[in-house]
């Protein structure tokens, strides 16, 4: 789940870009899963309909539906993996933003103390 990118200091812009890419890829994979699922259902219905006439062709169609089912599951797995990775990157961005706000808060506080003494 971790990559080499986790071990390198990166800018917020780099992380934001990665986040967008991960979410886009996750959506693409999920859409592929939905399409495979729909096609699988259609093939199974077709297989059942032609089984009385042509059992061999029906079996071939059924096997294609099985292949699509496996491909769809893999796409769904990868889609969820990308979403989890995106959530991790978003968490890192949130932590960075919190640290920045603390740094800004410290500076504002120091300036306020200086101006009061002055």
Protein backbone atom coordinates (compact mmCIF):
# COMPACT_ATOMS: atom_id res chain seq x y z
CA UNK A 1 0.00 0.00 0.00
CA UNK A 2 2.91 2.34 0.64
CA UNK A 3 5.06 3.61 -2.17
CA UNK A 4 8.47 5.21 -2.51
CA UNK A 5 6.67 8.56 -2.74
CA UNK A 6 5.75 8.18 0.94
CA UNK A 7 9.43 8.37 1.87
CA UNK A 8 10.15 11.61 0.02
CA UNK A 9 9.26 15.11 1.18
CA UNK A 10 6.78 16.51 -1.33
CA UNK A 11 5.05 19.81 -1.81
CA UNK A 12 1.34 20.26 -1.24
CA UNK A 13 0.98 20.89 -4.97
CA UNK A 14 2.56 17.50 -5.75
CA UNK A 15 0.31 15.78 -3.23
CA UNK A 16 -2.76 17.59 -4.59
CA UNK A 17 -1.87 16.49 -8.11
CA UNK A 18 -1.45 12.90 -6.93
CA UNK A 19 -4.78 13.12 -5.10
CA UNK A 20 -6.57 14.26 -8.27
CA UNK A 21 -4.91 11.50 -10.33
CA UNK A 22 -5.82 8.82 -7.78
CA UNK A 23 -9.45 9.92 -7.62
CA UNK A 24 -9.73 10.10 -11.41
CA UNK A 25 -8.21 6.63 -11.79
CA UNK A 26 -10.50 5.28 -9.06
CA UNK A 27 -13.54 6.66 -10.89
CA UNK A 28 -12.37 5.23 -14.22
CA UNK A 29 -11.88 1.81 -12.65
CA UNK A 30 -15.25 1.95 -10.90
CA UNK A 31 -16.96 2.89 -14.18
CA UNK A 32 -15.19 -0.07 -15.81
CA UNK A 33 -16.48 -2.32 -13.04
CA UNK A 34 -20.07 -1.11 -13.60
CA UNK A 35 -19.77 -1.69 -17.37
CA UNK A 36 -18.32 -5.19 -16.85
CA UNK A 37 -21.08 -6.02 -14.38
CA UNK A 38 -23.80 -4.93 -16.83
CA UNK A 39 -22.22 -6.88 -19.69
CA UNK A 40 -21.86 -9.93 -17.44
CA UNK A 41 -25.59 -9.85 -16.63
CA UNK A 42 -26.47 -9.53 -20.32
CA UNK A 43 -24.22 -12.45 -21.26
CA UNK A 44 -25.68 -14.68 -18.54
CA UNK A 45 -29.22 -13.96 -19.73
CA UNK A 46 -28.19 -14.65 -23.33
CA UNK A 47 -26.54 -17.91 -22.27
CA UNK A 48 -29.67 -19.09 -20.47
CA UNK A 49 -31.85 -18.16 -23.45
CA UNK A 50 -29.79 -20.08 -26.04
CA UNK A 51 -28.93 -23.10 -23.88
CA UNK A 52 -31.87 -25.21 -25.18
CA UNK A 53 -30.82 -24.55 -28.80
CA UNK A 54 -27.03 -24.54 -28.57
CA UNK A 55 -25.49 -25.76 -25.32
CA UNK A 56 -21.91 -25.35 -26.54
CA UNK A 57 -22.41 -21.70 -27.51
CA UNK A 58 -24.26 -21.09 -24.24
CA UNK A 59 -21.29 -22.47 -22.30
CA UNK A 60 -18.89 -20.25 -24.24
CA UNK A 61 -21.01 -17.20 -23.44
CA UNK A 62 -21.24 -18.25 -19.78
CA UNK A 63 -17.45 -18.53 -19.58
CA UNK A 64 -17.11 -15.04 -21.07
CA UNK A 65 -19.46 -13.77 -18.37
CA UNK A 66 -17.25 -15.46 -15.75
CA UNK A 67 -14.18 -13.77 -17.21
CA UNK A 68 -15.92 -10.38 -17.08
CA UNK A 69 -16.93 -11.05 -13.47
CA UNK A 70 -13.28 -11.62 -12.51
CA UNK A 71 -12.12 -8.56 -14.45
CA UNK A 72 -14.83 -6.49 -12.80
CA UNK A 73 -13.83 -7.65 -9.32
CA UNK A 74 -10.22 -6.72 -10.01
CA UNK A 75 -11.26 -3.28 -11.28
CA UNK A 76 -13.36 -2.76 -8.15
CA UNK A 77 -10.47 -3.86 -5.92
CA UNK A 78 -8.09 -1.47 -7.67
CA UNK A 79 -10.65 1.34 -7.52
CA UNK A 80 -10.98 0.95 -3.75
CA UNK A 81 -7.21 0.73 -3.38
CA UNK A 82 -6.85 4.04 -5.24
CA UNK A 83 -9.52 5.62 -3.04
CA UNK A 84 -7.73 4.47 0.10
CA UNK A 85 -4.44 5.85 -1.22
CA UNK A 86 -6.20 9.14 -2.05
CA UNK A 87 -7.57 9.31 1.51
CA UNK A 88 -4.04 8.82 2.84
CA UNK A 89 -2.70 11.61 0.63
CA UNK A 90 -5.58 13.89 1.69
CA UNK A 91 -4.74 13.15 5.32
CA UNK A 92 -1.13 14.20 4.69
CA UNK A 93 -2.34 17.43 3.05
CA UNK A 94 -4.60 18.11 6.05
CA UNK A 95 -1.70 17.55 8.46
CA UNK A 96 0.49 19.90 6.40
CA UNK A 97 -2.25 22.57 6.51
CA UNK A 98 -2.59 22.18 10.28
CA UNK A 99 1.15 22.56 10.76
CA UNK A 100 1.16 25.65 8.55
CA UNK A 101 -1.68 27.19 10.54
CA UNK A 102 0.19 26.51 13.79
CA UNK A 103 3.34 28.12 12.36
CA UNK A 104 1.31 31.15 11.26
CA UNK A 105 -0.39 31.32 14.65
CA UNK A 106 3.00 31.36 16.44
CA UNK A 107 4.24 34.16 14.22
CA UNK A 108 1.08 36.24 14.72
CA UNK A 109 1.32 35.72 18.47
CA UNK A 110 4.98 36.81 18.52
CA UNK A 111 4.16 39.91 16.48
CA UNK A 112 1.29 40.76 18.79
CA UNK A 113 3.55 40.47 21.84
CA UNK A 114 6.20 42.65 20.16
CA UNK A 115 3.68 45.32 19.23
CA UNK A 116 2.29 45.40 22.77
CA UNK A 117 5.78 45.94 24.23
CA UNK A 118 6.52 48.63 21.70
